[in-house]
Amino acid sequence: MTSNLCFIGDVHSQYDKLQNAVDYAETQNLRIIFLGDLFDSRCKYSDSINVFNLVYDCIRNGHLCVNSNHQDKLIRHLKGNQVLLNNGLDITVNEFIDSNFDKNHLLEFLTSLPYGIVCKNSFGKEFRIAHAYFPNSIEIPEYDDFYFVYGNEISRKTKKNMIYGPLDQERKRVLWWENSRVDQNFIRVSGHYHKVYVDNYSVVIDSGCGSGGCLSLYNADTGCIKEF
């Protein structure tokens, strides 16, 4: 059973807010799970290099992070695939190029991240975490502290579902937290949706950090949200 967990929402290259959130988490002895979208700012301020360095150091110190749609697009670009450099990706790519950053180091880090994480807080409540949606189809075996879902273990369709979220038959986004199952014995956690929503079955924690909003942190034990 894992205690003192917190979730930090989409960062989008906002280093100053991220540093404040990390400082707070560490002073409170909280283990961080970053919900992804580390890069790609849509506002004037962007510091992708320091965001990477800070998150990289955090993970070396035992914190965790999941893959996401913005990170997946950067991965595909780094691998030489043709992707549109839009929605802030152009800024991110130029920042890494201008700093002569080691492309292979960045790619190795990004591809090492899981698509999903399952864990429990200090009261034994289970959280199933993915950037956009943790599917019910994923079977969770017995685990100790964490169970990780990696890309090589799931289908392409499932990976897309986890980083973009489910769509209905008309290809429209499903607001999955509006239809949570009342018999569900876990809490599903995501960022991605530019929304903050919490109930007994759902935690959506994305305050629009990269487009002028704040960066939010959710304490998995207390249920409290702190904004930076």
Protein backbone atom coordinates (compact mmCIF):
# COMPACT_ATOMS: atom_id res chain seq x y z
CA MET A 1 0.00 0.00 0.00
CA THR A 2 1.43 3.37 -1.03
CA SER A 3 0.91 6.43 1.14
CA ASN A 4 1.25 10.18 0.67
CA LEU A 5 0.39 10.33 -3.02
CA CYS A 6 -0.44 13.41 -5.06
CA PHE A 7 -1.25 14.06 -8.71
CA ILE A 8 0.02 17.09 -10.62
CA GLY A 9 -1.92 18.10 -13.73
CA ASP A 10 -0.76 19.08 -17.22
CA VAL A 11 2.35 21.28 -17.05
CA HIS A 12 2.77 22.51 -20.64
CA SER A 13 6.28 23.95 -20.17
CA GLN A 14 5.33 26.19 -17.23
CA TYR A 15 8.49 25.71 -15.21
CA ASP A 16 7.92 28.32 -12.49
CA LYS A 17 4.54 26.88 -11.51
CA LEU A 18 5.93 23.36 -11.68
CA GLN A 19 8.84 24.20 -9.39
CA ASN A 20 6.44 25.68 -6.83
CA ALA A 21 4.23 22.58 -6.99
CA VAL A 22 7.17 20.20 -6.63
CA ASP A 23 8.60 22.20 -3.73
CA TYR A 24 5.23 22.01 -1.97
CA ALA A 25 4.86 18.28 -2.59
CA GLU A 26 8.31 17.53 -1.26
CA THR A 27 7.86 19.66 1.87
CA GLN A 28 4.63 17.71 2.52
CA ASN A 29 6.38 14.38 1.88
CA LEU A 30 4.07 13.62 -1.06
CA ARG A 31 5.02 11.22 -3.80
CA ILE A 32 4.13 12.83 -7.12
CA ILE A 33 2.48 11.24 -10.11
CA PHE A 34 2.64 13.68 -13.03
CA LEU A 35 -0.38 13.28 -15.32
CA GLY A 36 1.55 14.11 -18.50
CA ASP A 37 1.59 16.86 -21.13
CA LEU A 38 4.86 18.15 -19.73
CA PHE A 39 5.54 20.32 -22.79
CA ASP A 40 3.93 22.55 -25.45
CA SER A 41 2.93 25.94 -24.11
CA ARG A 42 0.13 27.95 -25.66
CA CYS A 43 1.03 31.14 -23.83
CA LYS A 44 4.04 33.46 -24.10
CA TYR A 45 6.05 31.86 -21.31
CA SER A 46 7.69 28.50 -22.01
CA ASP A 47 10.66 26.71 -20.44
CA SER A 48 10.66 23.14 -21.74
CA ILE A 49 14.30 22.51 -20.86
CA ASN A 50 13.95 23.24 -17.17
CA VAL A 51 10.64 21.37 -17.05
CA PHE A 52 12.40 18.32 -18.45
CA ASN A 53 15.33 18.64 -16.05
CA LEU A 54 13.06 19.02 -13.03
CA VAL A 55 10.76 16.10 -13.93
CA TYR A 56 13.75 13.93 -14.84
CA ASP A 57 15.31 14.60 -11.42
CA CYS A 58 11.95 13.95 -9.74
CA ILE A 59 11.66 10.55 -11.38
CA ARG A 60 15.22 9.68 -10.40
CA ASN A 61 14.14 10.47 -6.83
CA GLY A 62 11.13 8.14 -6.94
CA HIS A 63 8.32 10.27 -8.36
CA LEU A 64 6.36 9.04 -11.38
CA CYS A 65 4.88 10.28 -14.68
CA VAL A 66 2.58 8.89 -17.38
CA ASN A 67 2.73 9.26 -21.14
CA SER A 68 0.30 11.65 -22.84
CA ASN A 69 -0.86 12.90 -26.23
CA HIS A 70 1.53 15.87 -26.35
CA GLN A 71 4.46 13.71 -25.28
CA ASP A 72 3.49 11.03 -27.80
CA LYS A 73 3.54 13.60 -30.59
CA LEU A 74 7.02 14.73 -29.52
CA ILE A 75 8.14 11.08 -29.46
CA ARG A 76 6.92 10.60 -33.03
CA HIS A 77 8.73 13.77 -34.12
CA LEU A 78 11.97 12.67 -32.47
CA LYS A 79 11.70 9.31 -34.24
CA GLY A 80 11.52 11.12 -37.59
CA ASN A 81 7.81 10.71 -38.25
CA GLN A 82 5.98 13.54 -39.97
CA VAL A 83 3.84 15.42 -37.45
CA LEU A 84 2.34 18.88 -37.45
CA LEU A 85 4.41 21.25 -35.33
CA ASN A 86 1.40 23.03 -33.86
CA ASN A 87 -0.33 23.57 -30.50
CA GLY A 88 2.97 24.55 -28.90
CA LEU A 89 5.04 21.64 -30.22
CA ASP A 90 6.93 24.03 -32.48
CA ILE A 91 8.01 26.04 -29.43
CA THR A 92 9.07 22.91 -27.56
CA VAL A 93 11.08 21.54 -30.48
CA ASN A 94 12.86 24.87 -31.03
CA GLU A 95 13.75 25.13 -27.34
CA PHE A 96 15.38 21.71 -27.37
CA ILE A 97 17.19 22.47 -30.65
CA ASP A 98 18.44 25.86 -29.45
CA SER A 99 19.85 24.32 -26.26
CA ASN A 100 21.66 21.55 -28.19
CA PHE A 101 19.80 19.06 -26.02
CA ASP A 102 20.64 15.38 -26.43
CA LYS A 103 17.82 14.08 -28.63
CA ASN A 104 18.46 10.46 -27.69
CA HIS A 105 18.38 11.26 -23.97
CA LEU A 106 15.03 12.99 -24.38
CA LEU A 107 13.60 10.16 -26.49
CA GLU A 108 14.82 7.49 -24.08
CA PHE A 109 13.16 9.27 -21.18
CA LEU A 110 9.83 9.81 -22.94
CA THR A 111 9.56 6.25 -24.23
CA SER A 112 10.32 4.84 -20.77
CA LEU A 113 7.13 6.28 -19.26
CA PRO A 114 4.09 4.04 -18.66
CA TYR A 115 0.68 4.73 -20.15
CA GLY A 116 -1.04 3.92 -16.88
CA ILE A 117 -0.35 3.51 -13.17
CA VAL A 118 -2.44 1.75 -10.53
CA CYS A 119 -1.81 2.33 -6.83
CA LYS A 120 -3.50 2.87 -3.46
CA ASN A 121 -3.44 5.72 -0.99
CA SER A 122 -2.73 5.25 2.73
CA PHE A 123 -6.38 4.29 3.35
CA GLY A 124 -6.31 1.50 0.75
CA LYS A 125 -8.37 3.34 -1.88
CA GLU A 126 -7.23 2.39 -5.37
CA PHE A 127 -6.48 4.95 -8.08
CA ARG A 128 -6.19 4.08 -11.77
CA ILE A 129 -4.25 6.80 -13.50
CA ALA A 130 -3.78 7.68 -17.16
CA HIS A 131 -3.44 10.96 -18.97
CA ALA A 132 -6.94 10.89 -20.48
CA TYR A 133 -8.67 7.62 -19.55
CA PHE A 134 -7.88 4.32 -17.85
CA PRO A 135 -9.94 1.65 -19.68
CA ASN A 136 -11.99 -0.94 -17.83
CA SER A 137 -10.67 -3.54 -20.28
CA ILE A 138 -7.24 -3.56 -18.64
CA GLU A 139 -7.05 -6.38 -16.13
CA ILE A 140 -5.25 -5.48 -12.93
CA PRO A 141 -3.34 -8.34 -11.27
CA GLU A 142 -2.23 -8.46 -7.65
CA TYR A 143 0.47 -5.85 -7.06
CA ASP A 144 2.52 -4.46 -4.20
CA ASP A 145 2.96 -0.69 -4.36
CA PHE A 146 2.34 0.09 -8.04
CA TYR A 147 1.15 -1.61 -11.18
CA PHE A 148 2.39 -0.07 -14.44
CA VAL A 149 0.82 -0.35 -17.89
CA TYR A 150 3.47 0.01 -20.61
CA GLY A 151 2.96 0.59 -24.30
CA ASN A 152 4.36 -2.77 -25.40
CA GLU A 153 1.68 -4.55 -23.34
CA ILE A 154 -1.41 -2.94 -24.90
CA SER A 155 -2.87 -2.41 -28.36
CA ARG A 156 -2.50 0.73 -30.42
CA LYS A 157 -6.21 1.40 -29.91
CA THR A 158 -5.87 1.15 -26.13
CA LYS A 159 -2.83 3.44 -26.11
CA LYS A 160 -4.75 6.05 -28.10
CA ASN A 161 -7.68 5.72 -25.72
CA MET A 162 -5.44 6.29 -22.70
CA ILE A 163 -3.79 9.46 -24.03
CA TYR A 164 -6.68 11.01 -25.99
CA GLY A 165 -9.72 9.63 -24.17
CA PRO A 166 -12.73 7.67 -25.45
CA LEU A 167 -14.94 8.76 -28.35
CA ASP A 168 -18.57 7.93 -29.03
CA GLN A 169 -19.94 6.46 -32.26
CA GLU A 170 -19.99 9.91 -33.83
CA ARG A 171 -16.30 10.41 -32.94
CA LYS A 172 -17.15 13.00 -30.31
CA ARG A 173 -15.30 13.16 -27.01
CA VAL A 174 -16.88 11.18 -24.17
CA LEU A 175 -16.97 12.99 -20.84
CA TRP A 176 -16.44 9.72 -19.01
CA TRP A 177 -16.63 11.20 -15.49
CA GLU A 178 -20.29 12.07 -16.06
CA ASN A 179 -21.13 8.37 -16.30
CA SER A 180 -18.99 6.81 -13.57
CA ARG A 181 -20.17 3.42 -12.34
CA VAL A 182 -21.64 3.53 -8.85
CA ASP A 183 -20.35 0.00 -8.18
CA GLN A 184 -16.81 1.05 -9.10
CA ASN A 185 -14.32 0.25 -6.33
CA PHE A 186 -11.56 2.55 -7.59
CA ILE A 187 -11.06 6.18 -8.54
CA ARG A 188 -10.13 6.96 -12.14
CA VAL A 189 -7.63 9.83 -12.50
CA SER A 190 -6.75 11.95 -15.55
CA GLY A 191 -5.57 15.32 -16.73
CA HIS A 192 -6.03 16.32 -20.40
CA TYR A 193 -9.47 17.95 -20.42
CA HIS A 194 -8.73 21.56 -19.33
CA LYS A 195 -11.07 20.91 -16.44
CA VAL A 196 -11.02 20.21 -12.71
CA TYR A 197 -13.63 17.75 -11.51
CA VAL A 198 -13.69 15.48 -8.44
CA ASP A 199 -16.30 13.04 -7.15
CA ASN A 200 -16.26 9.63 -5.44
CA TYR A 201 -15.18 7.86 -8.62
CA SER A 202 -13.30 10.45 -10.69
CA VAL A 203 -10.44 12.93 -10.45
CA VAL A 204 -9.87 15.18 -13.46
CA ILE A 205 -7.09 17.65 -12.72
CA ASP A 206 -6.08 19.95 -15.58
CA SER A 207 -6.37 23.67 -14.87
CA GLY A 208 -5.21 24.92 -18.28
CA CYS A 209 -1.69 25.62 -17.08
CA GLY A 210 -0.27 26.06 -20.58
CA SER A 211 -2.91 28.54 -21.68
CA GLY A 212 -2.88 31.01 -18.81
CA GLY A 213 -4.40 28.92 -16.03
CA CYS A 214 -2.84 27.59 -12.85
CA LEU A 215 -1.16 24.27 -12.14
CA SER A 216 -3.17 22.05 -9.79
CA LEU A 217 -2.09 19.38 -7.32
CA TYR A 218 -4.52 16.84 -5.85
CA ASN A 219 -3.69 15.12 -2.54
CA ALA A 220 -4.86 11.49 -2.79
CA ASP A 221 -5.23 11.13 0.97
CA THR A 222 -7.05 14.33 1.86
CA GLY A 223 -8.85 15.01 -1.42
CA CYS A 224 -7.64 18.61 -1.26
CA ILE A 225 -6.56 20.57 -4.33
CA LYS A 226 -3.81 23.18 -4.21
CA GLU A 227 -3.23 25.63 -7.06
CA PHE A 228 0.06 27.21 -8.14
